[in-house]
């Protein structure tokens, strides 16, 4: 590419940090319940520490355009999914003006989008209604010749009210052009705070002299309370193996299992056993984090004869279902 016709490139690099400016994302006011298992364990991936950090240790470079690798050089647009904010190039006819594409390193794939359910060093999954989770988006100008002038930053879409950008960050981004040939950047703190349960989506739009750059935003709102998942009936025949039961918390607050019992006229035909290769972790008093789970096993006692029936009783702090009964049957 001629030095006289160098395109302006905007790179939106999104990676997770903690609310308050630390190096990893966090959930403001999130449940302090202990994590039940690996389903809620924090992502052990490396946190991108600055604008030049690469994802998974891979150096980001632009092999297709010859742009300088100044610590935050964007990847070749051909390697990023295009369309809908996925990293496609926007360029005027003739290719003699600014161009821009988006890049987000908060996930495991090259994309402009932010999935607030999957930020690095954050328990995966949604957050409770009213709680917050924050990620960073950097807006870079990597052009050799053209200043980047940002005219507006906004959030649009079905659940636009659930996402926000710091007003101070927007004001700073729009206050002055980002100079060329200096790897200049501005920082956008993008926050997700669900107002309702379920999937929430919107889009971040950055309008500049290079066009309109779009990053899709998504997250999941959870009920602001513990919520035990339904468990179907367990059926056995003589000689059946033990069955593993997964107790899952679908809510946004820690689920406390206060008691586990087998009740019924022929309850002596059934018993608890260890699960998960002896690592069963469901027991009275266990705290299950949002979207976490624990395991127990239920099976037949030695010499149990059909027919027999009972129920597995789980008591918890779920306000809607404080007692969950699971039918147990032994048939010939």
C-alpha atoms as a PDB file:
ATOM      1  CA  UNK A   1       0.000   0.000   0.000  1.00  0.00           C
ATOM      2  CA  UNK A   2       1.399   3.428  -0.946  1.00  0.00           C
ATOM      3  CA  UNK A   3       2.466   5.633   1.908  1.00  0.00           C
ATOM      4  CA  UNK A   4       0.500   8.465   0.292  1.00  0.00           C
ATOM      5  CA  UNK A   5      -2.780   6.560   0.520  1.00  0.00           C
ATOM      6  CA  UNK A   6      -2.789   4.987   3.950  1.00  0.00           C
ATOM      7  CA  UNK A   7      -6.249   4.054   5.225  1.00  0.00           C
ATOM      8  CA  UNK A   8      -7.419   4.848   8.731  1.00  0.00           C
ATOM      9  CA  UNK A   9      -8.062   1.727  10.682  1.00  0.00           C
ATOM     10  CA  UNK A  10     -10.177   1.508  13.797  1.00  0.00           C
ATOM     11  CA  UNK A  11      -9.666  -1.456  16.019  1.00  0.00           C
ATOM     12  CA  UNK A  12     -12.111  -2.082  18.807  1.00  0.00           C
ATOM     13  CA  UNK A  13     -10.288  -4.348  21.199  1.00  0.00           C
ATOM     14  CA  UNK A  14     -12.652  -5.635  23.904  1.00  0.00           C
ATOM     15  CA  UNK A  15     -11.344  -7.536  26.864  1.00  0.00           C
ATOM     16  CA  UNK A  16     -12.590  -8.063  30.355  1.00  0.00           C
ATOM     17  CA  UNK A  17     -11.633  -6.166  33.467  1.00  0.00           C
ATOM     18  CA  UNK A  18     -13.159  -5.910  36.872  1.00  0.00           C
ATOM     19  CA  UNK A  19     -15.572  -3.138  37.692  1.00  0.00           C
ATOM     20  CA  UNK A  20     -13.438  -0.443  39.243  1.00  0.00           C
ATOM     21  CA  UNK A  21     -10.507  -0.737  36.863  1.00  0.00           C
ATOM     22  CA  UNK A  22      -8.733  -3.974  37.811  1.00  0.00           C
ATOM     23  CA  UNK A  23      -7.392  -6.380  35.218  1.00  0.00           C
ATOM     24  CA  UNK A  24     -10.294  -8.814  35.131  1.00  0.00           C
ATOM     25  CA  UNK A  25     -14.072  -8.435  34.791  1.00  0.00           C
ATOM     26  CA  UNK A  26     -16.338  -8.773  37.780  1.00  0.00           C
ATOM     27  CA  UNK A  27     -19.983  -8.854  38.724  1.00  0.00           C
ATOM     28  CA  UNK A  28     -20.948  -5.894  40.892  1.00  0.00           C
ATOM     29  CA  UNK A  29     -22.859  -7.170  43.893  1.00  0.00           C
ATOM     30  CA  UNK A  30     -22.781 -10.786  42.693  1.00  0.00           C
ATOM     31  CA  UNK A  31     -23.489 -13.725  44.981  1.00  0.00           C
ATOM     32  CA  UNK A  32     -20.742 -14.704  47.364  1.00  0.00           C
ATOM     33  CA  UNK A  33     -21.798 -18.337  47.406  1.00  0.00           C
ATOM     34  CA  UNK A  34     -19.012 -20.847  46.899  1.00  0.00           C
ATOM     35  CA  UNK A  35     -18.528 -22.433  43.510  1.00  0.00           C
ATOM     36  CA  UNK A  36     -19.937 -25.925  43.394  1.00  0.00           C
ATOM     37  CA  UNK A  37     -17.892 -27.432  40.594  1.00  0.00           C
ATOM     38  CA  UNK A  38     -16.014 -26.804  37.405  1.00  0.00           C
ATOM     39  CA  UNK A  39     -19.203 -25.560  35.766  1.00  0.00           C
ATOM     40  CA  UNK A  40     -18.737 -22.314  37.600  1.00  0.00           C
ATOM     41  CA  UNK A  41     -14.987 -22.201  37.883  1.00  0.00           C
ATOM     42  CA  UNK A  42     -13.300 -19.027  36.657  1.00  0.00           C
ATOM     43  CA  UNK A  43     -11.757 -19.072  33.216  1.00  0.00           C
ATOM     44  CA  UNK A  44      -8.056 -19.665  33.628  1.00  0.00           C
ATOM     45  CA  UNK A  45      -7.219 -17.892  30.412  1.00  0.00           C
ATOM     46  CA  UNK A  46      -4.676 -15.076  30.446  1.00  0.00           C
ATOM     47  CA  UNK A  47      -6.059 -11.574  30.902  1.00  0.00           C
ATOM     48  CA  UNK A  48      -5.123  -9.140  28.185  1.00  0.00           C
ATOM     49  CA  UNK A  49      -3.243  -6.486  30.091  1.00  0.00           C
ATOM     50  CA  UNK A  50      -3.129  -3.647  27.601  1.00  0.00           C
ATOM     51  CA  UNK A  51      -4.216  -2.532  24.180  1.00  0.00           C
ATOM     52  CA  UNK A  52      -1.494  -4.562  22.531  1.00  0.00           C
ATOM     53  CA  UNK A  53      -2.251  -7.833  24.292  1.00  0.00           C
ATOM     54  CA  UNK A  54      -3.096 -10.766  22.084  1.00  0.00           C
ATOM     55  CA  UNK A  55      -5.647 -13.486  22.687  1.00  0.00           C
ATOM     56  CA  UNK A  56      -4.320 -16.880  23.841  1.00  0.00           C
ATOM     57  CA  UNK A  57      -0.758 -15.696  23.419  1.00  0.00           C
ATOM     58  CA  UNK A  58      -0.949 -15.206  19.661  1.00  0.00           C
ATOM     59  CA  UNK A  59       0.658 -12.064  18.266  1.00  0.00           C
ATOM     60  CA  UNK A  60      -1.842  -9.962  16.370  1.00  0.00           C
ATOM     61  CA  UNK A  61      -0.528  -8.758  13.055  1.00  0.00           C
ATOM     62  CA  UNK A  62      -1.883  -7.614   9.707  1.00  0.00           C
ATOM     63  CA  UNK A  63      -0.202  -9.798   7.133  1.00  0.00           C
ATOM     64  CA  UNK A  64      -2.452  -8.614   4.354  1.00  0.00           C
ATOM     65  CA  UNK A  65      -2.101  -4.835   4.466  1.00  0.00           C
ATOM     66  CA  UNK A  66       1.445  -4.200   5.669  1.00  0.00           C
ATOM     67  CA  UNK A  67       0.239  -2.068   8.586  1.00  0.00           C
ATOM     68  CA  UNK A  68       2.915  -1.550  11.218  1.00  0.00           C
ATOM     69  CA  UNK A  69       2.901  -3.836  14.238  1.00  0.00           C
ATOM     70  CA  UNK A  70       2.833  -1.136  16.919  1.00  0.00           C
ATOM     71  CA  UNK A  71       1.756  -3.366  19.770  1.00  0.00           C
ATOM     72  CA  UNK A  72      -1.904  -3.204  18.802  1.00  0.00           C
ATOM     73  CA  UNK A  73      -1.821  -3.751  15.060  1.00  0.00           C
ATOM     74  CA  UNK A  74      -5.104  -5.284  13.934  1.00  0.00           C
ATOM     75  CA  UNK A  75      -5.328  -8.793  12.519  1.00  0.00           C
ATOM     76  CA  UNK A  76      -5.800  -9.261   8.803  1.00  0.00           C
ATOM     77  CA  UNK A  77      -9.479  -8.645   8.100  1.00  0.00           C
ATOM     78  CA  UNK A  78      -9.581 -11.835   6.084  1.00  0.00           C
ATOM     79  CA  UNK A  79      -9.202 -13.841   9.292  1.00  0.00           C
ATOM     80  CA  UNK A  80     -12.177 -12.268  11.038  1.00  0.00           C
ATOM     81  CA  UNK A  81     -15.807 -13.072  10.376  1.00  0.00           C
ATOM     82  CA  UNK A  82     -17.565 -10.278   8.518  1.00  0.00           C
ATOM     83  CA  UNK A  83     -21.031  -8.839   8.777  1.00  0.00           C
ATOM     84  CA  UNK A  84     -23.088  -7.762  11.765  1.00  0.00           C
ATOM     85  CA  UNK A  85     -20.147  -6.370  13.652  1.00  0.00           C
ATOM     86  CA  UNK A  86     -18.109  -9.545  13.275  1.00  0.00           C
ATOM     87  CA  UNK A  87     -15.071  -7.738  11.891  1.00  0.00           C
ATOM     88  CA  UNK A  88     -15.882  -6.966   8.253  1.00  0.00           C
ATOM     89  CA  UNK A  89     -14.165  -4.065   6.447  1.00  0.00           C
ATOM     90  CA  UNK A  90     -16.093  -0.886   5.647  1.00  0.00           C
ATOM     91  CA  UNK A  91     -14.500   1.095   2.785  1.00  0.00           C
ATOM     92  CA  UNK A  92     -15.780   3.690   0.299  1.00  0.00           C
ATOM     93  CA  UNK A  93     -15.780   2.928  -3.449  1.00  0.00           C
ATOM     94  CA  UNK A  94     -12.279   2.962  -4.887  1.00  0.00           C
ATOM     95  CA  UNK A  95     -10.654   2.175  -1.526  1.00  0.00           C
ATOM     96  CA  UNK A  96      -9.090   5.627  -1.293  1.00  0.00           C
ATOM     97  CA  UNK A  97     -10.654   6.646   2.017  1.00  0.00           C
ATOM     98  CA  UNK A  98     -10.627   5.467   5.611  1.00  0.00           C
ATOM     99  CA  UNK A  99     -11.529   1.863   6.375  1.00  0.00           C
ATOM    100  CA  UNK A 100     -12.316   0.222   9.659  1.00  0.00           C
ATOM    101  CA  UNK A 101     -12.966  -3.141  11.182  1.00  0.00           C
ATOM    102  CA  UNK A 102     -13.614  -4.382  14.714  1.00  0.00           C
ATOM    103  CA  UNK A 103     -11.678  -6.734  16.924  1.00  0.00           C
ATOM    104  CA  UNK A 104     -12.533  -8.057  20.376  1.00  0.00           C
ATOM    105  CA  UNK A 105     -10.127 -10.138  22.473  1.00  0.00           C
ATOM    106  CA  UNK A 106     -12.448 -10.756  25.411  1.00  0.00           C
ATOM    107  CA  UNK A 107     -13.465 -14.151  24.034  1.00  0.00           C
ATOM    108  CA  UNK A 108     -11.700 -17.088  22.468  1.00  0.00           C
ATOM    109  CA  UNK A 109     -12.367 -16.182  18.818  1.00  0.00           C
ATOM    110  CA  UNK A 110     -11.552 -13.113  16.751  1.00  0.00           C
ATOM    111  CA  UNK A 111     -14.662 -10.967  16.839  1.00  0.00           C
ATOM    112  CA  UNK A 112     -15.802  -7.437  17.536  1.00  0.00           C
ATOM    113  CA  UNK A 113     -18.643  -8.640  19.721  1.00  0.00           C
ATOM    114  CA  UNK A 114     -18.851  -8.768  23.521  1.00  0.00           C
ATOM    115  CA  UNK A 115     -20.535 -11.751  25.138  1.00  0.00           C
ATOM    116  CA  UNK A 116     -20.964 -10.798  28.784  1.00  0.00           C
ATOM    117  CA  UNK A 117     -21.695 -14.438  29.647  1.00  0.00           C
ATOM    118  CA  UNK A 118     -18.154 -15.422  28.651  1.00  0.00           C
ATOM    119  CA  UNK A 119     -15.636 -12.838  29.820  1.00  0.00           C
ATOM    120  CA  UNK A 120     -12.186 -13.979  30.869  1.00  0.00           C
ATOM    121  CA  UNK A 121     -11.571 -14.555  34.578  1.00  0.00           C
ATOM    122  CA  UNK A 122     -15.304 -14.342  35.257  1.00  0.00           C
ATOM    123  CA  UNK A 123     -17.602 -17.204  36.212  1.00  0.00           C
ATOM    124  CA  UNK A 124     -19.307 -18.127  32.934  1.00  0.00           C
ATOM    125  CA  UNK A 125     -23.007 -17.546  32.462  1.00  0.00           C
ATOM    126  CA  UNK A 126     -25.528 -14.822  33.209  1.00  0.00           C
ATOM    127  CA  UNK A 127     -25.870 -12.474  36.146  1.00  0.00           C
ATOM    128  CA  UNK A 128     -28.775 -11.558  38.392  1.00  0.00           C
ATOM    129  CA  UNK A 129     -31.179  -8.812  37.403  1.00  0.00           C
ATOM    130  CA  UNK A 130     -29.822  -5.472  38.604  1.00  0.00           C
ATOM    131  CA  UNK A 131     -26.223  -6.666  38.979  1.00  0.00           C
ATOM    132  CA  UNK A 132     -23.493  -5.390  36.643  1.00  0.00           C
ATOM    133  CA  UNK A 133     -20.625  -6.783  34.600  1.00  0.00           C
ATOM    134  CA  UNK A 134     -18.120  -4.597  32.737  1.00  0.00           C
ATOM    135  CA  UNK A 135     -15.752  -5.113  29.798  1.00  0.00           C
ATOM    136  CA  UNK A 136     -13.373  -2.774  27.989  1.00  0.00           C
ATOM    137  CA  UNK A 137     -13.415  -1.662  24.363  1.00  0.00           C
ATOM    138  CA  UNK A 138     -10.414   0.254  23.024  1.00  0.00           C
ATOM    139  CA  UNK A 139     -10.853   2.410  19.922  1.00  0.00           C
ATOM    140  CA  UNK A 140      -7.575   2.711  18.041  1.00  0.00           C
ATOM    141  CA  UNK A 141      -6.342   4.748  15.088  1.00  0.00           C
ATOM    142  CA  UNK A 142      -3.542   2.853  13.382  1.00  0.00           C
ATOM    143  CA  UNK A 143      -3.434   5.018  10.288  1.00  0.00           C
ATOM    144  CA  UNK A 144      -0.165   6.554   9.100  1.00  0.00           C
ATOM    145  CA  UNK A 145      -1.827   9.546   7.413  1.00  0.00           C
ATOM    146  CA  UNK A 146      -5.436  10.107   8.522  1.00  0.00           C
ATOM    147  CA  UNK A 147      -6.753  11.345  11.843  1.00  0.00           C
ATOM    148  CA  UNK A 148      -9.755   9.456  13.190  1.00  0.00           C
ATOM    149  CA  UNK A 149     -12.705  11.690  14.065  1.00  0.00           C
ATOM    150  CA  UNK A 150     -15.376   9.983  16.194  1.00  0.00           C
ATOM    151  CA  UNK A 151     -18.705  11.763  15.890  1.00  0.00           C
ATOM    152  CA  UNK A 152     -20.980   9.556  18.001  1.00  0.00           C
ATOM    153  CA  UNK A 153     -21.061   6.465  20.184  1.00  0.00           C
ATOM    154  CA  UNK A 154     -24.363   4.821  21.000  1.00  0.00           C
ATOM    155  CA  UNK A 155     -26.060   1.559  21.930  1.00  0.00           C
ATOM    156  CA  UNK A 156     -29.012   0.399  19.852  1.00  0.00           C
ATOM    157  CA  UNK A 157     -31.153  -2.715  19.720  1.00  0.00           C
ATOM    158  CA  UNK A 158     -33.861  -4.690  21.471  1.00  0.00           C
ATOM    159  CA  UNK A 159     -32.379  -4.446  24.981  1.00  0.00           C
ATOM    160  CA  UNK A 160     -30.325  -1.272  24.547  1.00  0.00           C
ATOM    161  CA  UNK A 161     -31.302  -0.134  28.045  1.00  0.00           C
ATOM    162  CA  UNK A 162     -29.496  -3.110  29.583  1.00  0.00           C
ATOM    163  CA  UNK A 163     -26.132  -1.957  28.217  1.00  0.00           C
ATOM    164  CA  UNK A 164     -24.305   1.333  28.670  1.00  0.00           C
ATOM    165  CA  UNK A 165     -21.071   3.142  27.880  1.00  0.00           C
ATOM    166  CA  UNK A 166     -19.464   5.498  30.373  1.00  0.00           C
ATOM    167  CA  UNK A 167     -20.553   9.066  29.617  1.00  0.00           C
ATOM    168  CA  UNK A 168     -17.068  10.322  30.431  1.00  0.00           C
ATOM    169  CA  UNK A 169     -15.566   7.837  27.970  1.00  0.00           C
ATOM    170  CA  UNK A 170     -17.960   8.946  25.227  1.00  0.00           C
ATOM    171  CA  UNK A 171     -17.171  12.606  25.874  1.00  0.00           C
ATOM    172  CA  UNK A 172     -13.436  11.921  25.730  1.00  0.00           C
ATOM    173  CA  UNK A 173     -13.762   9.945  22.500  1.00  0.00           C
ATOM    174  CA  UNK A 174     -15.752  12.704  20.785  1.00  0.00           C
ATOM    175  CA  UNK A 175     -13.725  15.611  22.161  1.00  0.00           C
ATOM    176  CA  UNK A 176     -10.777  15.486  19.776  1.00  0.00           C
ATOM    177  CA  UNK A 177      -9.556  13.511  16.755  1.00  0.00           C
ATOM    178  CA  UNK A 178      -7.291  10.546  17.336  1.00  0.00           C
ATOM    179  CA  UNK A 179      -4.046  11.518  15.585  1.00  0.00           C
ATOM    180  CA  UNK A 180      -2.518   9.395  12.859  1.00  0.00           C
ATOM    181  CA  UNK A 181       0.797   7.590  13.134  1.00  0.00           C
ATOM    182  CA  UNK A 182       0.735   7.579  16.942  1.00  0.00           C
ATOM    183  CA  UNK A 183      -1.257   4.413  17.703  1.00  0.00           C
ATOM    184  CA  UNK A 184      -3.681   6.719  19.525  1.00  0.00           C
ATOM    185  CA  UNK A 185      -6.641   5.216  21.342  1.00  0.00           C
ATOM    186  CA  UNK A 186      -9.600   5.923  23.569  1.00  0.00           C
ATOM    187  CA  UNK A 187     -11.119   3.571  26.103  1.00  0.00           C
ATOM    188  CA  UNK A 188     -14.801   2.637  26.433  1.00  0.00           C
ATOM    189  CA  UNK A 189     -16.126   0.983  29.579  1.00  0.00           C
ATOM    190  CA  UNK A 190     -19.121  -1.068  28.396  1.00  0.00           C
ATOM    191  CA  UNK A 191     -21.463  -2.310  31.124  1.00  0.00           C
ATOM    192  CA  UNK A 192     -24.216  -4.936  31.188  1.00  0.00           C
ATOM    193  CA  UNK A 193     -26.970  -4.760  33.819  1.00  0.00           C
ATOM    194  CA  UNK A 194     -29.955  -6.945  32.885  1.00  0.00           C
ATOM    195  CA  UNK A 195     -33.425  -5.581  33.541  1.00  0.00           C
ATOM    196  CA  UNK A 196     -35.210  -8.868  32.831  1.00  0.00           C
ATOM    197  CA  UNK A 197     -34.594 -12.606  32.743  1.00  0.00           C
ATOM    198  CA  UNK A 198     -33.368 -14.382  29.661  1.00  0.00           C
ATOM    199  CA  UNK A 199     -31.178 -13.481  26.688  1.00  0.00           C
ATOM    200  CA  UNK A 200     -30.515  -9.745  26.291  1.00  0.00           C
ATOM    201  CA  UNK A 201     -29.008  -8.284  23.119  1.00  0.00           C
ATOM    202  CA  UNK A 202     -28.041  -4.911  21.681  1.00  0.00           C
ATOM    203  CA  UNK A 203     -25.227  -3.349  19.642  1.00  0.00           C
ATOM    204  CA  UNK A 204     -22.486  -0.791  20.254  1.00  0.00           C
ATOM    205  CA  UNK A 205     -22.115   1.668  17.363  1.00  0.00           C
ATOM    206  CA  UNK A 206     -19.115   3.942  16.829  1.00  0.00           C
ATOM    207  CA  UNK A 207     -19.588   6.483  14.023  1.00  0.00           C
ATOM    208  CA  UNK A 208     -16.466   8.166  12.648  1.00  0.00           C
ATOM    209  CA  UNK A 209     -14.978   9.497   9.426  1.00  0.00           C
ATOM    210  CA  UNK A 210     -14.239   5.830   8.656  1.00  0.00           C
ATOM    211  CA  UNK A 211     -17.928   4.871   8.775  1.00  0.00           C
ATOM    212  CA  UNK A 212     -20.054   3.072  11.346  1.00  0.00           C
ATOM    213  CA  UNK A 213     -18.462   0.286  13.344  1.00  0.00           C
ATOM    214  CA  UNK A 214     -20.784  -2.142  15.128  1.00  0.00           C
ATOM    215  CA  UNK A 215     -20.092  -4.595  17.946  1.00  0.00           C
ATOM    216  CA  UNK A 216     -22.859  -6.963  18.985  1.00  0.00           C
ATOM    217  CA  UNK A 217     -23.540  -7.108  22.731  1.00  0.00           C
ATOM    218  CA  UNK A 218     -25.142 -10.039  24.502  1.00  0.00           C
ATOM    219  CA  UNK A 219     -25.754 -11.313  28.011  1.00  0.00           C
ATOM    220  CA  UNK A 220     -28.217 -13.281  30.113  1.00  0.00           C
ATOM    221  CA  UNK A 221     -30.352 -12.023  32.979  1.00  0.00           C
ATOM    222  CA  UNK A 222     -31.003 -14.389  35.878  1.00  0.00           C
ATOM    223  CA  UNK A 223     -33.673 -14.208  38.536  1.00  0.00           C
ATOM    224  CA  UNK A 224     -32.297 -12.320  41.540  1.00  0.00           C
ATOM    225  CA  UNK A 225     -32.816 -15.327  43.806  1.00  0.00           C
ATOM    226  CA  UNK A 226     -31.713 -18.964  44.006  1.00  0.00           C
ATOM    227  CA  UNK A 227     -33.647 -21.306  41.705  1.00  0.00           C
ATOM    228  CA  UNK A 228     -33.350 -25.079  41.830  1.00  0.00           C
ATOM    229  CA  UNK A 229     -33.706 -26.832  38.497  1.00  0.00           C
ATOM    230  CA  UNK A 230     -36.409 -29.472  37.956  1.00  0.00           C
ATOM    231  CA  UNK A 231     -35.326 -33.114  38.316  1.00  0.00           C
ATOM    232  CA  UNK A 232     -37.241 -35.870  36.578  1.00  0.00           C
ATOM    233  CA  UNK A 233     -38.396 -39.169  38.117  1.00  0.00           C
ATOM    234  CA  UNK A 234     -35.869 -41.970  38.663  1.00  0.00           C
ATOM    235  CA  UNK A 235     -36.930 -45.476  37.613  1.00  0.00           C
ATOM    236  CA  UNK A 236     -35.182 -48.719  38.551  1.00  0.00           C
ATOM    237  CA  UNK A 237     -35.483 -52.448  37.953  1.00  0.00           C
ATOM    238  CA  UNK A 238     -33.869 -55.215  39.983  1.00  0.00           C
ATOM    239  CA  UNK A 239     -30.114 -55.008  39.574  1.00  0.00           C
ATOM    240  CA  UNK A 240     -30.125 -51.412  38.269  1.00  0.00           C
ATOM    241  CA  UNK A 241     -26.998 -49.348  38.764  1.00  0.00           C
ATOM    242  CA  UNK A 242     -27.027 -46.162  40.781  1.00  0.00           C
ATOM    243  CA  UNK A 243     -28.198 -43.066  38.921  1.00  0.00           C
ATOM    244  CA  UNK A 244     -26.414 -39.718  39.172  1.00  0.00           C
ATOM    245  CA  UNK A 245     -28.593 -36.726  39.978  1.00  0.00           C
ATOM    246  CA  UNK A 246     -27.467 -33.206  39.065  1.00  0.00           C
ATOM    247  CA  UNK A 247     -28.772 -30.446  41.312  1.00  0.00           C
ATOM    248  CA  UNK A 248     -28.426 -27.194  39.371  1.00  0.00           C
ATOM    249  CA  UNK A 249     -28.933 -23.575  40.367  1.00  0.00           C
ATOM    250  CA  UNK A 250     -30.635 -21.591  37.599  1.00  0.00           C
ATOM    251  CA  UNK A 251     -30.882 -18.401  39.650  1.00  0.00           C
ATOM    252  CA  UNK A 252     -28.658 -15.401  40.217  1.00  0.00           C
ATOM    253  CA  UNK A 253     -28.033 -15.975  43.936  1.00  0.00           C
ATOM    254  CA  UNK A 254     -26.382 -18.893  45.746  1.00  0.00           C
ATOM    255  CA  UNK A 255     -28.592 -21.960  46.246  1.00  0.00           C
ATOM    256  CA  UNK A 256     -28.201 -23.559  49.690  1.00  0.00           C
ATOM    257  CA  UNK A 257     -29.247 -27.210  49.934  1.00  0.00           C
ATOM    258  CA  UNK A 258     -30.280 -27.611  53.561  1.00  0.00           C
ATOM    259  CA  UNK A 259     -31.289 -31.291  53.550  1.00  0.00           C
ATOM    260  CA  UNK A 260     -31.398 -34.421  51.381  1.00  0.00           C
ATOM    261  CA  UNK A 261     -33.713 -37.307  52.315  1.00  0.00           C
ATOM    262  CA  UNK A 262     -35.371 -40.411  50.891  1.00  0.00           C
ATOM    263  CA  UNK A 263     -38.932 -40.723  52.179  1.00  0.00           C
ATOM    264  CA  UNK A 264     -41.863 -43.088  51.626  1.00  0.00           C
ATOM    265  CA  UNK A 265     -43.428 -46.346  52.778  1.00  0.00           C
ATOM    266  CA  UNK A 266     -40.815 -48.443  50.956  1.00  0.00           C
ATOM    267  CA  UNK A 267     -37.963 -45.966  51.187  1.00  0.00           C
ATOM    268  CA  UNK A 268     -35.716 -48.744  52.534  1.00  0.00           C
ATOM    269  CA  UNK A 269     -35.410 -50.022  48.953  1.00  0.00           C
ATOM    270  CA  UNK A 270     -33.402 -46.927  47.997  1.00  0.00           C
ATOM    271  CA  UNK A 271     -30.205 -45.311  49.235  1.00  0.00           C
ATOM    272  CA  UNK A 272     -27.693 -42.582  48.506  1.00  0.00           C
ATOM    273  CA  UNK A 273     -24.311 -43.399  47.056  1.00  0.00           C
ATOM    274  CA  UNK A 274     -21.245 -41.500  45.915  1.00  0.00           C
ATOM    275  CA  UNK A 275     -21.180 -40.036  42.412  1.00  0.00           C
ATOM    276  CA  UNK A 276     -18.603 -38.497  40.108  1.00  0.00           C
ATOM    277  CA  UNK A 277     -15.955 -41.164  40.830  1.00  0.00           C
ATOM    278  CA  UNK A 278     -16.364 -40.701  44.555  1.00  0.00           C
ATOM    279  CA  UNK A 279     -16.304 -36.911  44.379  1.00  0.00           C
ATOM    280  CA  UNK A 280     -19.975 -36.316  45.154  1.00  0.00           C
ATOM    281  CA  UNK A 281     -20.379 -32.778  46.368  1.00  0.00           C
ATOM    282  CA  UNK A 282     -24.084 -32.488  47.217  1.00  0.00           C
ATOM    283  CA  UNK A 283     -24.586 -32.524  50.966  1.00  0.00           C
ATOM    284  CA  UNK A 284     -26.608 -30.521  53.485  1.00  0.00           C
ATOM    285  CA  UNK A 285     -25.280 -26.987  53.690  1.00  0.00           C
ATOM    286  CA  UNK A 286     -23.602 -26.943  50.280  1.00  0.00           C
ATOM    287  CA  UNK A 287     -23.773 -23.559  48.508  1.00  0.00           C
ATOM    288  CA  UNK A 288     -24.229 -23.739  44.733  1.00  0.00           C
ATOM    289  CA  UNK A 289     -23.215 -20.604  42.834  1.00  0.00           C
ATOM    290  CA  UNK A 290     -25.406 -19.146  40.059  1.00  0.00           C
ATOM    291  CA  UNK A 291     -25.512 -21.611  37.153  1.00  0.00           C
ATOM    292  CA  UNK A 292     -23.447 -24.061  39.206  1.00  0.00           C
ATOM    293  CA  UNK A 293     -24.400 -27.595  40.190  1.00  0.00           C
ATOM    294  CA  UNK A 294     -23.576 -30.490  42.495  1.00  0.00           C
ATOM    295  CA  UNK A 295     -23.940 -34.263  42.146  1.00  0.00           C
ATOM    296  CA  UNK A 296     -25.449 -37.077  44.185  1.00  0.00           C
ATOM    297  CA  UNK A 297     -26.227 -40.692  43.339  1.00  0.00           C
ATOM    298  CA  UNK A 298     -29.359 -42.654  44.205  1.00  0.00           C
ATOM    299  CA  UNK A 299     -29.795 -46.398  43.798  1.00  0.00           C
ATOM    300  CA  UNK A 300     -31.163 -49.603  45.242  1.00  0.00           C
ATOM    301  CA  UNK A 301     -30.236 -51.182  48.558  1.00  0.00           C
ATOM    302  CA  UNK A 302     -28.943 -54.744  48.577  1.00  0.00           C
ATOM    303  CA  UNK A 303     -31.808 -57.192  48.303  1.00  0.00           C
ATOM    304  CA  UNK A 304     -34.410 -54.585  47.325  1.00  0.00           C
ATOM    305  CA  UNK A 305     -37.416 -56.283  45.759  1.00  0.00           C
ATOM    306  CA  UNK A 306     -40.068 -54.763  43.507  1.00  0.00           C
ATOM    307  CA  UNK A 307     -42.442 -53.132  43.586  1.00  0.00           C
ATOM    308  CA  UNK A 308     -41.256 -50.198  45.665  1.00  0.00           C
ATOM    309  CA  UNK A 309     -41.679 -46.445  45.541  1.00  0.00           C
ATOM    310  CA  UNK A 310     -40.400 -43.460  47.459  1.00  0.00           C
ATOM    311  CA  UNK A 311     -39.251 -39.908  46.831  1.00  0.00           C
ATOM    312  CA  UNK A 312     -35.996 -38.018  46.952  1.00  0.00           C
ATOM    313  CA  UNK A 313     -36.601 -34.831  48.948  1.00  0.00           C
ATOM    314  CA  UNK A 314     -34.355 -31.787  48.503  1.00  0.00           C
ATOM    315  CA  UNK A 315     -34.847 -28.819  50.820  1.00  0.00           C
ATOM    316  CA  UNK A 316     -33.261 -25.496  49.832  1.00  0.00           C
ATOM    317  CA  UNK A 317     -33.534 -21.724  50.061  1.00  0.00           C
ATOM    318  CA  UNK A 318     -35.285 -21.446  46.687  1.00  0.00           C
ATOM    319  CA  UNK A 319     -38.207 -19.165  47.596  1.00  0.00           C
ATOM    320  CA  UNK A 320     -40.399 -20.592  44.846  1.00  0.00           C
ATOM    321  CA  UNK A 321     -39.583 -24.279  45.433  1.00  0.00           C
ATOM    322  CA  UNK A 322     -38.327 -24.749  48.996  1.00  0.00           C
ATOM    323  CA  UNK A 323     -39.009 -28.496  48.715  1.00  0.00           C
ATOM    324  CA  UNK A 324     -38.327 -30.441  45.512  1.00  0.00           C
ATOM    325  CA  UNK A 325     -39.662 -34.018  45.443  1.00  0.00           C
ATOM    326  CA  UNK A 326     -38.268 -36.515  42.932  1.00  0.00           C
ATOM    327  CA  UNK A 327     -40.282 -39.758  42.493  1.00  0.00           C
ATOM    328  CA  UNK A 328     -38.344 -43.046  42.852  1.00  0.00           C
ATOM    329  CA  UNK A 329     -39.793 -46.344  41.565  1.00  0.00           C
ATOM    330  CA  UNK A 330     -38.621 -49.957  41.492  1.00  0.00           C
ATOM    331  CA  UNK A 331     -40.542 -52.158  39.087  1.00  0.00           C
ATOM    332  CA  UNK A 332     -40.267 -55.871  38.190  1.00  0.00           C
END
